[in-house]
Amino acid sequence: MSDLFEGLKKKVSGRGLRIVFPEALDERILKAASRLAEENLVTPLLIGAADQVQAKAQELGVSLEGAQIFDPASYEGMDELVAAFVERRKGKATEEQARKILLDVNYFGTMLVYVNKADGLVSGATHSTADTVRPALQIIKTKEGVKKTSGVFIMVRGDEKYVFADCAINIAPDSMDLAEIAIESAKTAEMFDIEPRVAMLSFSTKGSAKSEETERVVAAVEEAKRREPSLVLDGEFQFDAAFVPSVAKSKAPGSPIQGDANVFIFPSLEAGNIGYKIAQRLGGFEAVGPILQGLNRPVNDLSRGCNEEDVYKLALITAAQAL
């Protein structure tokens, strides 16, 4: 695990990347932000009333040197944010409504990212996933050619690193969604110095079973290959055919994936969520994430049960995504 994040530190160190933390009064956030600033990894942008944030930092004994505090109630650039928000929402919010909405720390922080005053955002320590993701989908939106955001976990055990997706967002992806998730997950893998070899998972290997579910994965494989012909990707696979060379040799002898896949695309959120938790709890893997992918600018969601180290690591990931 240390190697994984040492690599990210080298990528982001000294780059002056600005990461927004809308939950500046949370102890875990302040401690992680202080570390990130002290190590010159990112510039934390803390959202909240300056006197309250400074008092909380003093109470915790942490330094805010190298961090910046933004108070939505007194922010001098609010007129610019309001105008940009009204334009972005295309008639779905009046100026008066926008001023009220942007007092919400997640909307305010997301707008800082949108207008290039920040490079990414990390929230969710005290807010729900919806509170974190909704502003991102409304304001930052997905990249051109990407219809939906998705959530991946980097599964780490010793020197082993794998990508599991989608384990966080899309409940029942169709074949176009699965193809998109596969391509975006391969890009995420590269960020972590994983050369992607993508397996599209099912309960069937190369036609051993046929159903609406397996055909959806088959169609996803065809679409992903059409979009990214240079990507090493195949399916449909049962997990053992994607991961065990002897099984691959028997079940999929002509496949470019011969038990050496490192990016696993699950056919549904149900399968992905169950799969990563089994690997985590029975297999002893550490699950890093969820990491949101497919957005124009990086926004990531913490668990409300997170600790300081989780905040620190997700901020590093968010900074790396911004590069």
C-alpha atoms as a PDB file:
ATOM      1  CA  MET A   1       0.000   0.000   0.000  1.00  0.00           C
ATOM      2  CA  SER A   2       2.828   2.420   0.816  1.00  0.00           C
ATOM      3  CA  ASP A   3       4.267   1.965  -2.707  1.00  0.00           C
ATOM      4  CA  LEU A   4       0.895   2.832  -4.226  1.00  0.00           C
ATOM      5  CA  PHE A   5       0.707   6.182  -2.479  1.00  0.00           C
ATOM      6  CA  GLU A   6       4.412   6.978  -2.676  1.00  0.00           C
ATOM      7  CA  GLY A   7       3.960   6.925  -6.438  1.00  0.00           C
ATOM      8  CA  LEU A   8       1.008   9.319  -6.206  1.00  0.00           C
ATOM      9  CA  LYS A   9       2.974  11.638  -3.905  1.00  0.00           C
ATOM     10  CA  LYS A  10       5.777  11.902  -6.453  1.00  0.00           C
ATOM     11  CA  LYS A  11       3.263  12.777  -9.161  1.00  0.00           C
ATOM     12  CA  VAL A  12       1.505  15.575  -7.238  1.00  0.00           C
ATOM     13  CA  SER A  13       4.249  16.966  -4.973  1.00  0.00           C
ATOM     14  CA  GLY A  14       5.043  20.608  -5.566  1.00  0.00           C
ATOM     15  CA  ARG A  15       2.468  20.963  -8.351  1.00  0.00           C
ATOM     16  CA  GLY A  16       0.359  23.457  -6.390  1.00  0.00           C
ATOM     17  CA  LEU A  17      -2.834  21.467  -6.907  1.00  0.00           C
ATOM     18  CA  ARG A  18      -5.796  22.925  -5.002  1.00  0.00           C
ATOM     19  CA  ILE A  19      -8.218  20.473  -3.399  1.00  0.00           C
ATOM     20  CA  VAL A  20     -11.494  21.670  -1.880  1.00  0.00           C
ATOM     21  CA  PHE A  21     -12.666  20.275   1.460  1.00  0.00           C
ATOM     22  CA  PRO A  22     -16.262  21.459   2.086  1.00  0.00           C
ATOM     23  CA  GLU A  23     -16.361  19.896   5.575  1.00  0.00           C
ATOM     24  CA  ALA A  24     -13.665  22.056   7.167  1.00  0.00           C
ATOM     25  CA  LEU A  25     -14.983  21.761  10.730  1.00  0.00           C
ATOM     26  CA  ASP A  26     -14.563  17.990  10.788  1.00  0.00           C
ATOM     27  CA  GLU A  27     -11.554  16.827  12.811  1.00  0.00           C
ATOM     28  CA  ARG A  28     -10.543  14.187  10.247  1.00  0.00           C
ATOM     29  CA  ILE A  29     -10.629  16.718   7.433  1.00  0.00           C
ATOM     30  CA  LEU A  30      -8.598  19.350   9.260  1.00  0.00           C
ATOM     31  CA  LYS A  31      -5.904  16.920  10.362  1.00  0.00           C
ATOM     32  CA  ALA A  32      -5.528  15.427   6.890  1.00  0.00           C
ATOM     33  CA  ALA A  33      -5.548  18.848   5.229  1.00  0.00           C
ATOM     34  CA  SER A  34      -2.844  20.068   7.605  1.00  0.00           C
ATOM     35  CA  ARG A  35      -0.634  17.094   6.707  1.00  0.00           C
ATOM     36  CA  LEU A  36      -1.178  17.570   2.985  1.00  0.00           C
ATOM     37  CA  ALA A  37      -0.198  21.239   3.200  1.00  0.00           C
ATOM     38  CA  GLU A  38       2.786  20.592   5.462  1.00  0.00           C
ATOM     39  CA  GLU A  39       4.131  17.962   3.027  1.00  0.00           C
ATOM     40  CA  ASN A  40       3.597  20.328   0.052  1.00  0.00           C
ATOM     41  CA  LEU A  41       1.371  17.787  -1.666  1.00  0.00           C
ATOM     42  CA  VAL A  42      -1.724  19.932  -2.233  1.00  0.00           C
ATOM     43  CA  THR A  43      -3.093  23.330  -1.236  1.00  0.00           C
ATOM     44  CA  PRO A  44      -6.199  22.597   0.856  1.00  0.00           C
ATOM     45  CA  LEU A  45      -9.140  24.946   0.296  1.00  0.00           C
ATOM     46  CA  LEU A  46     -11.236  24.738   3.453  1.00  0.00           C
ATOM     47  CA  ILE A  47     -14.889  25.797   3.236  1.00  0.00           C
ATOM     48  CA  GLY A  48     -16.394  27.447   6.299  1.00  0.00           C
ATOM     49  CA  ALA A  49     -16.460  30.539   8.483  1.00  0.00           C
ATOM     50  CA  ALA A  50     -12.828  31.545   9.021  1.00  0.00           C
ATOM     51  CA  ASP A  51     -13.153  32.158  12.769  1.00  0.00           C
ATOM     52  CA  GLN A  52     -14.814  28.775  13.315  1.00  0.00           C
ATOM     53  CA  VAL A  53     -12.282  26.882  11.192  1.00  0.00           C
ATOM     54  CA  GLN A  54      -9.336  28.589  12.894  1.00  0.00           C
ATOM     55  CA  ALA A  55     -10.827  27.941  16.337  1.00  0.00           C
ATOM     56  CA  LYS A  56     -11.330  24.255  15.511  1.00  0.00           C
ATOM     57  CA  ALA A  57      -7.764  23.958  14.235  1.00  0.00           C
ATOM     58  CA  GLN A  58      -6.436  25.601  17.396  1.00  0.00           C
ATOM     59  CA  GLU A  59      -8.533  23.251  19.522  1.00  0.00           C
ATOM     60  CA  LEU A  60      -7.038  20.264  17.661  1.00  0.00           C
ATOM     61  CA  GLY A  61      -3.525  21.685  17.707  1.00  0.00           C
ATOM     62  CA  VAL A  62      -3.114  21.555  13.935  1.00  0.00           C
ATOM     63  CA  SER A  63      -1.512  24.152  11.693  1.00  0.00           C
ATOM     64  CA  LEU A  64      -3.405  25.757   8.810  1.00  0.00           C
ATOM     65  CA  GLU A  65      -0.241  27.127   7.225  1.00  0.00           C
ATOM     66  CA  GLY A  66      -0.396  26.519   3.488  1.00  0.00           C
ATOM     67  CA  ALA A  67      -4.199  26.121   3.520  1.00  0.00           C
ATOM     68  CA  GLN A  68      -6.810  28.668   2.454  1.00  0.00           C
ATOM     69  CA  ILE A  69     -10.244  29.283   3.978  1.00  0.00           C
ATOM     70  CA  PHE A  70     -13.270  30.219   1.870  1.00  0.00           C
ATOM     71  CA  ASP A  71     -16.495  31.368   3.546  1.00  0.00           C
ATOM     72  CA  PRO A  72     -19.527  31.209   1.219  1.00  0.00           C
ATOM     73  CA  ALA A  73     -21.275  33.877   3.310  1.00  0.00           C
ATOM     74  CA  SER A  74     -18.571  36.479   2.686  1.00  0.00           C
ATOM     75  CA  TYR A  75     -16.797  35.269  -0.461  1.00  0.00           C
ATOM     76  CA  GLU A  76     -15.903  38.273  -2.634  1.00  0.00           C
ATOM     77  CA  GLY A  77     -16.253  36.327  -5.868  1.00  0.00           C
ATOM     78  CA  MET A  78     -19.802  35.159  -5.189  1.00  0.00           C
ATOM     79  CA  ASP A  79     -21.284  37.247  -8.018  1.00  0.00           C
ATOM     80  CA  GLU A  80     -19.028  35.415 -10.482  1.00  0.00           C
ATOM     81  CA  LEU A  81     -20.037  32.035  -9.059  1.00  0.00           C
ATOM     82  CA  VAL A  82     -23.735  32.918  -9.157  1.00  0.00           C
ATOM     83  CA  ALA A  83     -23.557  34.031 -12.791  1.00  0.00           C
ATOM     84  CA  ALA A  84     -21.631  30.900 -13.783  1.00  0.00           C
ATOM     85  CA  PHE A  85     -24.089  28.677 -11.904  1.00  0.00           C
ATOM     86  CA  VAL A  86     -27.154  30.271 -13.531  1.00  0.00           C
ATOM     87  CA  GLU A  87     -25.559  29.869 -16.966  1.00  0.00           C
ATOM     88  CA  ARG A  88     -24.539  26.274 -16.287  1.00  0.00           C
ATOM     89  CA  ARG A  89     -27.993  25.269 -15.059  1.00  0.00           C
ATOM     90  CA  LYS A  90     -29.561  26.757 -18.208  1.00  0.00           C
ATOM     91  CA  GLY A  91     -32.745  28.207 -16.757  1.00  0.00           C
ATOM     92  CA  LYS A  92     -33.168  25.711 -13.927  1.00  0.00           C
ATOM     93  CA  ALA A  93     -32.181  28.284 -11.282  1.00  0.00           C
ATOM     94  CA  THR A  94     -32.751  32.033 -10.978  1.00  0.00           C
ATOM     95  CA  GLU A  95     -30.060  34.344  -9.629  1.00  0.00           C
ATOM     96  CA  GLU A  96     -31.904  34.498  -6.284  1.00  0.00           C
ATOM     97  CA  GLN A  97     -32.119  30.708  -6.112  1.00  0.00           C
ATOM     98  CA  ALA A  98     -28.450  30.378  -7.089  1.00  0.00           C
ATOM     99  CA  ARG A  99     -27.334  32.637  -4.240  1.00  0.00           C
ATOM    100  CA  LYS A 100     -29.191  30.434  -1.774  1.00  0.00           C
ATOM    101  CA  ILE A 101     -27.954  27.183  -3.317  1.00  0.00           C
ATOM    102  CA  LEU A 102     -24.321  28.329  -3.287  1.00  0.00           C
ATOM    103  CA  LEU A 103     -24.401  28.810   0.474  1.00  0.00           C
ATOM    104  CA  ASP A 104     -24.416  24.996   0.580  1.00  0.00           C
ATOM    105  CA  VAL A 105     -20.772  24.019   1.081  1.00  0.00           C
ATOM    106  CA  ASN A 106     -20.815  21.210  -1.481  1.00  0.00           C
ATOM    107  CA  TYR A 107     -22.345  23.368  -4.206  1.00  0.00           C
ATOM    108  CA  PHE A 108     -19.996  26.224  -3.343  1.00  0.00           C
ATOM    109  CA  GLY A 109     -16.955  23.935  -3.383  1.00  0.00           C
ATOM    110  CA  THR A 110     -18.010  22.312  -6.648  1.00  0.00           C
ATOM    111  CA  MET A 111     -18.377  25.732  -8.262  1.00  0.00           C
ATOM    112  CA  LEU A 112     -14.812  26.610  -7.209  1.00  0.00           C
ATOM    113  CA  VAL A 113     -13.694  23.544  -9.156  1.00  0.00           C
ATOM    114  CA  TYR A 114     -15.903  24.431 -12.135  1.00  0.00           C
ATOM    115  CA  VAL A 115     -14.504  27.984 -12.458  1.00  0.00           C
ATOM    116  CA  ASN A 116     -10.906  26.713 -12.130  1.00  0.00           C
ATOM    117  CA  LYS A 117     -10.240  28.150  -8.690  1.00  0.00           C
ATOM    118  CA  ALA A 118      -9.687  24.573  -7.505  1.00  0.00           C
ATOM    119  CA  ASP A 119      -8.517  21.346  -9.135  1.00  0.00           C
ATOM    120  CA  GLY A 120     -10.696  18.819  -7.329  1.00  0.00           C
ATOM    121  CA  LEU A 121     -13.001  18.212  -4.372  1.00  0.00           C
ATOM    122  CA  VAL A 122     -13.209  15.684  -1.546  1.00  0.00           C
ATOM    123  CA  SER A 123     -16.369  15.481   0.568  1.00  0.00           C
ATOM    124  CA  GLY A 124     -18.586  12.910   2.272  1.00  0.00           C
ATOM    125  CA  ALA A 125     -17.127  12.719   5.789  1.00  0.00           C
ATOM    126  CA  THR A 126     -20.352  14.206   7.136  1.00  0.00           C
ATOM    127  CA  HIS A 127     -22.491  14.355   3.979  1.00  0.00           C
ATOM    128  CA  SER A 128     -24.226  11.596   2.039  1.00  0.00           C
ATOM    129  CA  THR A 129     -22.980  10.353  -1.315  1.00  0.00           C
ATOM    130  CA  ALA A 130     -25.924  12.138  -2.966  1.00  0.00           C
ATOM    131  CA  ASP A 131     -24.943  15.432  -1.314  1.00  0.00           C
ATOM    132  CA  THR A 132     -21.436  15.077  -2.732  1.00  0.00           C
ATOM    133  CA  VAL A 133     -22.193  13.670  -6.177  1.00  0.00           C
ATOM    134  CA  ARG A 134     -25.328  15.622  -7.130  1.00  0.00           C
ATOM    135  CA  PRO A 135     -23.563  19.018  -7.431  1.00  0.00           C
ATOM    136  CA  ALA A 136     -20.804  17.402  -9.473  1.00  0.00           C
ATOM    137  CA  LEU A 137     -23.290  15.866 -11.916  1.00  0.00           C
ATOM    138  CA  GLN A 138     -25.217  19.134 -12.238  1.00  0.00           C
ATOM    139  CA  ILE A 139     -22.234  21.468 -12.548  1.00  0.00           C
ATOM    140  CA  ILE A 140     -19.052  19.675 -13.574  1.00  0.00           C
ATOM    141  CA  LYS A 141     -20.838  16.941 -15.542  1.00  0.00           C
ATOM    142  CA  THR A 142     -19.288  14.010 -17.355  1.00  0.00           C
ATOM    143  CA  LYS A 143     -16.522  14.196 -19.951  1.00  0.00           C
ATOM    144  CA  GLU A 144     -17.369  14.367 -23.643  1.00  0.00           C
ATOM    145  CA  GLY A 145     -18.278  10.880 -24.824  1.00  0.00           C
ATOM    146  CA  VAL A 146     -19.021   9.686 -21.284  1.00  0.00           C
ATOM    147  CA  LYS A 147     -22.680   9.475 -20.314  1.00  0.00           C
ATOM    148  CA  LYS A 148     -22.364   8.345 -16.705  1.00  0.00           C
ATOM    149  CA  THR A 149     -19.923   8.568 -13.860  1.00  0.00           C
ATOM    150  CA  SER A 150     -18.871   5.298 -12.228  1.00  0.00           C
ATOM    151  CA  GLY A 151     -17.075   4.193  -9.084  1.00  0.00           C
ATOM    152  CA  VAL A 152     -13.978   1.998  -8.858  1.00  0.00           C
ATOM    153  CA  PHE A 153     -11.977   0.457  -6.057  1.00  0.00           C
ATOM    154  CA  ILE A 154      -8.258  -0.223  -6.210  1.00  0.00           C
ATOM    155  CA  MET A 155      -7.788  -3.534  -4.431  1.00  0.00           C
ATOM    156  CA  VAL A 156      -4.335  -3.806  -2.858  1.00  0.00           C
ATOM    157  CA  ARG A 157      -2.619  -6.724  -1.093  1.00  0.00           C
ATOM    158  CA  GLY A 158       1.158  -6.558  -0.829  1.00  0.00           C
ATOM    159  CA  ASP A 159       2.465  -6.016  -4.352  1.00  0.00           C
ATOM    160  CA  GLU A 160      -0.858  -6.984  -5.953  1.00  0.00           C
ATOM    161  CA  LYS A 161      -3.038  -4.208  -7.408  1.00  0.00           C
ATOM    162  CA  TYR A 162      -6.375  -4.689  -9.180  1.00  0.00           C
ATOM    163  CA  VAL A 163      -9.200  -2.423 -10.315  1.00  0.00           C
ATOM    164  CA  PHE A 164     -12.836  -3.398  -9.594  1.00  0.00           C
ATOM    165  CA  ALA A 165     -15.725  -1.498 -11.227  1.00  0.00           C
ATOM    166  CA  ASP A 166     -18.504  -0.401 -10.990  1.00  0.00           C
ATOM    167  CA  CYS A 167     -18.855  -1.012  -7.268  1.00  0.00           C
ATOM    168  CA  ALA A 168     -20.461   2.258  -6.216  1.00  0.00           C
ATOM    169  CA  ILE A 169     -22.779   4.079  -8.633  1.00  0.00           C
ATOM    170  CA  ASN A 170     -24.645   2.327 -11.469  1.00  0.00           C
ATOM    171  CA  ILE A 171     -27.160  -0.268 -10.287  1.00  0.00           C
ATOM    172  CA  ALA A 172     -27.991  -1.926 -13.609  1.00  0.00           C
ATOM    173  CA  PRO A 173     -25.648  -0.746 -16.385  1.00  0.00           C
ATOM    174  CA  ASP A 174     -26.570  -1.590 -19.966  1.00  0.00           C
ATOM    175  CA  SER A 175     -24.032  -2.742 -22.554  1.00  0.00           C
ATOM    176  CA  MET A 176     -23.084   0.829 -23.547  1.00  0.00           C
ATOM    177  CA  ASP A 177     -22.607   1.724 -19.868  1.00  0.00           C
ATOM    178  CA  LEU A 178     -20.425  -1.347 -19.294  1.00  0.00           C
ATOM    179  CA  ALA A 179     -18.236  -0.510 -22.289  1.00  0.00           C
ATOM    180  CA  GLU A 180     -17.828   3.030 -21.001  1.00  0.00           C
ATOM    181  CA  ILE A 181     -17.021   1.810 -17.478  1.00  0.00           C
ATOM    182  CA  ALA A 182     -14.391  -0.558 -18.875  1.00  0.00           C
ATOM    183  CA  ILE A 183     -12.629   2.172 -20.853  1.00  0.00           C
ATOM    184  CA  GLU A 184     -12.672   4.673 -17.981  1.00  0.00           C
ATOM    185  CA  SER A 185     -11.483   2.003 -15.526  1.00  0.00           C
ATOM    186  CA  ALA A 186      -8.513   1.252 -17.787  1.00  0.00           C
ATOM    187  CA  LYS A 187      -7.561   4.945 -17.611  1.00  0.00           C
ATOM    188  CA  THR A 188      -7.847   4.858 -13.818  1.00  0.00           C
ATOM    189  CA  ALA A 189      -5.617   1.777 -13.739  1.00  0.00           C
ATOM    190  CA  GLU A 190      -2.922   3.638 -15.661  1.00  0.00           C
ATOM    191  CA  MET A 191      -3.006   6.431 -13.082  1.00  0.00           C
ATOM    192  CA  PHE A 192      -1.927   3.825 -10.523  1.00  0.00           C
ATOM    193  CA  ASP A 193       0.805   2.457 -12.820  1.00  0.00           C
ATOM    194  CA  ILE A 194      -1.259  -0.627 -13.667  1.00  0.00           C
ATOM    195  CA  GLU A 195      -1.006  -1.627 -17.331  1.00  0.00           C
ATOM    196  CA  PRO A 196      -4.679  -2.455 -17.918  1.00  0.00           C
ATOM    197  CA  ARG A 197      -5.804  -5.920 -18.954  1.00  0.00           C
ATOM    198  CA  VAL A 198      -9.570  -5.724 -18.770  1.00  0.00           C
ATOM    199  CA  ALA A 199     -11.934  -8.631 -18.098  1.00  0.00           C
ATOM    200  CA  MET A 200     -15.687  -8.206 -18.540  1.00  0.00           C
ATOM    201  CA  LEU A 201     -17.237 -10.527 -15.972  1.00  0.00           C
ATOM    202  CA  SER A 202     -20.353 -12.688 -16.075  1.00  0.00           C
ATOM    203  CA  PHE A 203     -21.558 -16.111 -14.918  1.00  0.00           C
ATOM    204  CA  SER A 204     -20.594 -17.404 -18.363  1.00  0.00           C
ATOM    205  CA  THR A 205     -17.289 -17.775 -20.220  1.00  0.00           C
ATOM    206  CA  LYS A 206     -17.302 -17.362 -23.983  1.00  0.00           C
ATOM    207  CA  GLY A 207     -20.856 -18.564 -24.496  1.00  0.00           C
ATOM    208  CA  SER A 208     -20.943 -21.354 -21.897  1.00  0.00           C
ATOM    209  CA  ALA A 209     -24.341 -19.949 -20.919  1.00  0.00           C
ATOM    210  CA  LYS A 210     -26.709 -17.698 -22.823  1.00  0.00           C
ATOM    211  CA  SER A 211     -29.184 -15.259 -21.346  1.00  0.00           C
ATOM    212  CA  GLU A 212     -30.135 -11.612 -21.543  1.00  0.00           C
ATOM    213  CA  GLU A 213     -27.516 -10.922 -18.850  1.00  0.00           C
ATOM    214  CA  THR A 214     -24.651 -12.674 -20.644  1.00  0.00           C
ATOM    215  CA  GLU A 215     -25.560 -11.164 -24.014  1.00  0.00           C
ATOM    216  CA  ARG A 216     -25.420  -7.700 -22.448  1.00  0.00           C
ATOM    217  CA  VAL A 217     -21.786  -8.360 -21.459  1.00  0.00           C
ATOM    218  CA  VAL A 218     -20.961  -9.795 -24.899  1.00  0.00           C
ATOM    219  CA  ALA A 219     -22.336  -6.616 -26.503  1.00  0.00           C
ATOM    220  CA  ALA A 220     -20.320  -4.507 -24.046  1.00  0.00           C
ATOM    221  CA  VAL A 221     -17.115  -6.304 -25.052  1.00  0.00           C
ATOM    222  CA  GLU A 222     -17.816  -5.619 -28.732  1.00  0.00           C
ATOM    223  CA  GLU A 223     -18.564  -1.948 -28.072  1.00  0.00           C
ATOM    224  CA  ALA A 224     -15.487  -1.395 -25.891  1.00  0.00           C
ATOM    225  CA  LYS A 225     -13.259  -3.004 -28.523  1.00  0.00           C
ATOM    226  CA  ARG A 226     -14.823  -0.809 -31.200  1.00  0.00           C
ATOM    227  CA  ARG A 227     -14.165   2.337 -29.184  1.00  0.00           C
ATOM    228  CA  GLU A 228     -10.681   1.389 -27.959  1.00  0.00           C
ATOM    229  CA  PRO A 229      -9.231  -1.257 -30.299  1.00  0.00           C
ATOM    230  CA  SER A 230      -5.745  -0.995 -28.746  1.00  0.00           C
ATOM    231  CA  LEU A 231      -7.016  -1.798 -25.237  1.00  0.00           C
ATOM    232  CA  VAL A 232      -6.326  -5.349 -24.014  1.00  0.00           C
ATOM    233  CA  LEU A 233      -9.902  -6.343 -23.160  1.00  0.00           C
ATOM    234  CA  ASP A 234     -12.045  -9.446 -23.501  1.00  0.00           C
ATOM    235  CA  GLY A 235     -15.020 -11.350 -22.131  1.00  0.00           C
ATOM    236  CA  GLU A 236     -17.454 -12.544 -21.211  1.00  0.00           C
ATOM    237  CA  PHE A 237     -15.566 -14.331 -18.420  1.00  0.00           C
ATOM    238  CA  GLN A 238     -16.350 -16.070 -15.201  1.00  0.00           C
ATOM    239  CA  PHE A 239     -13.914 -14.728 -12.643  1.00  0.00           C
ATOM    240  CA  ASP A 240     -11.736 -17.860 -12.585  1.00  0.00           C
ATOM    241  CA  ALA A 241     -11.322 -17.773 -16.376  1.00  0.00           C
ATOM    242  CA  ALA A 242     -10.117 -14.175 -16.102  1.00  0.00           C
ATOM    243  CA  PHE A 243      -7.773 -14.784 -13.180  1.00  0.00           C
ATOM    244  CA  VAL A 244      -6.478 -18.363 -13.250  1.00  0.00           C
ATOM    245  CA  PRO A 245      -4.183 -19.225 -16.213  1.00  0.00           C
ATOM    246  CA  SER A 246      -5.057 -22.935 -16.245  1.00  0.00           C
ATOM    247  CA  VAL A 247      -8.789 -22.161 -16.332  1.00  0.00           C
ATOM    248  CA  ALA A 248      -8.282 -19.555 -19.062  1.00  0.00           C
ATOM    249  CA  LYS A 249      -6.335 -22.083 -21.132  1.00  0.00           C
ATOM    250  CA  SER A 250      -9.231 -24.506 -20.891  1.00  0.00           C
ATOM    251  CA  LYS A 251     -12.216 -22.141 -21.181  1.00  0.00           C
ATOM    252  CA  ALA A 252     -10.864 -19.306 -23.363  1.00  0.00           C
ATOM    253  CA  PRO A 253      -7.794 -20.590 -25.230  1.00  0.00           C
ATOM    254  CA  GLY A 254      -7.912 -17.924 -27.941  1.00  0.00           C
ATOM    255  CA  SER A 255      -8.366 -14.932 -25.649  1.00  0.00           C
ATOM    256  CA  PRO A 256      -5.751 -12.182 -25.158  1.00  0.00           C
ATOM    257  CA  ILE A 257      -6.585 -12.491 -21.447  1.00  0.00           C
ATOM    258  CA  GLN A 258      -4.990 -15.683 -20.146  1.00  0.00           C
ATOM    259  CA  GLY A 259      -5.660 -15.548 -16.436  1.00  0.00           C
ATOM    260  CA  ASP A 260      -3.739 -12.281 -16.195  1.00  0.00           C
ATOM    261  CA  ALA A 261      -6.541  -9.696 -15.996  1.00  0.00           C
ATOM    262  CA  ASN A 262      -6.032  -6.828 -13.558  1.00  0.00           C
ATOM    263  CA  VAL A 263      -9.125  -4.697 -14.294  1.00  0.00           C
ATOM    264  CA  PHE A 264     -12.421  -6.448 -13.556  1.00  0.00           C
ATOM    265  CA  ILE A 265     -15.725  -5.029 -14.817  1.00  0.00           C
ATOM    266  CA  PHE A 266     -18.741  -6.441 -12.976  1.00  0.00           C
ATOM    267  CA  PRO A 267     -22.083  -6.767 -14.786  1.00  0.00           C
ATOM    268  CA  SER A 268     -24.054  -4.957 -12.068  1.00  0.00           C
ATOM    269  CA  LEU A 269     -23.591  -2.880  -8.945  1.00  0.00           C
ATOM    270  CA  GLU A 270     -24.894  -5.799  -6.912  1.00  0.00           C
ATOM    271  CA  ALA A 271     -22.142  -8.102  -8.217  1.00  0.00           C
ATOM    272  CA  GLY A 272     -19.432  -5.445  -7.925  1.00  0.00           C
ATOM    273  CA  ASN A 273     -20.279  -4.434  -4.395  1.00  0.00           C
ATOM    274  CA  ILE A 274     -20.438  -8.050  -3.218  1.00  0.00           C
ATOM    275  CA  GLY A 275     -17.241  -8.894  -5.086  1.00  0.00           C
ATOM    276  CA  TYR A 276     -15.062  -6.151  -3.645  1.00  0.00           C
ATOM    277  CA  LYS A 277     -16.296  -6.798  -0.122  1.00  0.00           C
ATOM    278  CA  ILE A 278     -15.516 -10.523  -0.403  1.00  0.00           C
ATOM    279  CA  ALA A 279     -12.001  -9.689  -1.604  1.00  0.00           C
ATOM    280  CA  GLN A 280     -11.637  -7.198   1.224  1.00  0.00           C
ATOM    281  CA  ARG A 281     -13.005  -9.313   4.072  1.00  0.00           C
ATOM    282  CA  LEU A 282     -12.040 -12.845   3.036  1.00  0.00           C
ATOM    283  CA  GLY A 283      -9.083 -12.138   0.772  1.00  0.00           C
ATOM    284  CA  GLY A 284      -7.334  -9.582   2.963  1.00  0.00           C
ATOM    285  CA  PHE A 285      -7.238  -6.867   0.291  1.00  0.00           C
ATOM    286  CA  GLU A 286      -7.382  -3.195   1.197  1.00  0.00           C
ATOM    287  CA  ALA A 287     -10.088  -1.434  -0.792  1.00  0.00           C
ATOM    288  CA  VAL A 288      -9.060   2.070  -1.841  1.00  0.00           C
ATOM    289  CA  GLY A 289     -12.078   4.084  -2.967  1.00  0.00           C
ATOM    290  CA  PRO A 290     -14.626   4.497  -4.243  1.00  0.00           C
ATOM    291  CA  ILE A 291     -12.901   6.661  -6.833  1.00  0.00           C
ATOM    292  CA  LEU A 292     -15.339   8.461  -9.110  1.00  0.00           C
ATOM    293  CA  GLN A 293     -14.407   8.473 -12.790  1.00  0.00           C
ATOM    294  CA  GLY A 294     -15.838   9.971 -15.944  1.00  0.00           C
ATOM    295  CA  LEU A 295     -16.298  13.538 -14.654  1.00  0.00           C
ATOM    296  CA  ASN A 296     -14.764  16.582 -16.351  1.00  0.00           C
ATOM    297  CA  ARG A 297     -12.963  17.431 -13.105  1.00  0.00           C
ATOM    298  CA  PRO A 298     -12.292  15.130 -10.133  1.00  0.00           C
ATOM    299  CA  VAL A 299     -14.772  14.924  -7.270  1.00  0.00           C
ATOM    300  CA  ASN A 300     -14.543  12.082  -4.770  1.00  0.00           C
ATOM    301  CA  ASP A 301     -16.802  10.831  -2.016  1.00  0.00           C
ATOM    302  CA  LEU A 302     -15.623   9.732   1.420  1.00  0.00           C
ATOM    303  CA  SER A 303     -17.438   7.272   3.631  1.00  0.00           C
ATOM    304  CA  ARG A 304     -18.970   8.869   6.701  1.00  0.00           C
ATOM    305  CA  GLY A 305     -17.078   6.211   8.662  1.00  0.00           C
ATOM    306  CA  CYS A 306     -13.751   7.389   7.234  1.00  0.00           C
ATOM    307  CA  ASN A 307     -10.680   8.239   9.275  1.00  0.00           C
ATOM    308  CA  GLU A 308      -7.961  10.855   8.823  1.00  0.00           C
ATOM    309  CA  GLU A 309      -5.847   8.496   6.725  1.00  0.00           C
ATOM    310  CA  ASP A 310      -8.757   7.841   4.346  1.00  0.00           C
ATOM    311  CA  VAL A 311      -9.157  11.586   3.799  1.00  0.00           C
ATOM    312  CA  TYR A 312      -5.421  12.008   3.193  1.00  0.00           C
ATOM    313  CA  LYS A 313      -5.305   9.173   0.658  1.00  0.00           C
ATOM    314  CA  LEU A 314      -8.437  10.193  -1.229  1.00  0.00           C
ATOM    315  CA  ALA A 315      -7.102  13.746  -1.519  1.00  0.00           C
ATOM    316  CA  LEU A 316      -3.911  12.353  -3.068  1.00  0.00           C
ATOM    317  CA  ILE A 317      -5.967  10.323  -5.539  1.00  0.00           C
ATOM    318  CA  THR A 318      -8.085  13.367  -6.393  1.00  0.00           C
ATOM    319  CA  ALA A 319      -4.956  15.461  -6.976  1.00  0.00           C
ATOM    320  CA  ALA A 320      -3.506  12.766  -9.242  1.00  0.00           C
ATOM    321  CA  GLN A 321      -6.756  12.632 -11.239  1.00  0.00           C
ATOM    322  CA  ALA A 322      -6.447  16.394 -11.776  1.00  0.00           C
ATOM    323  CA  LEU A 323      -3.096  16.098 -13.539  1.00  0.00           C
END
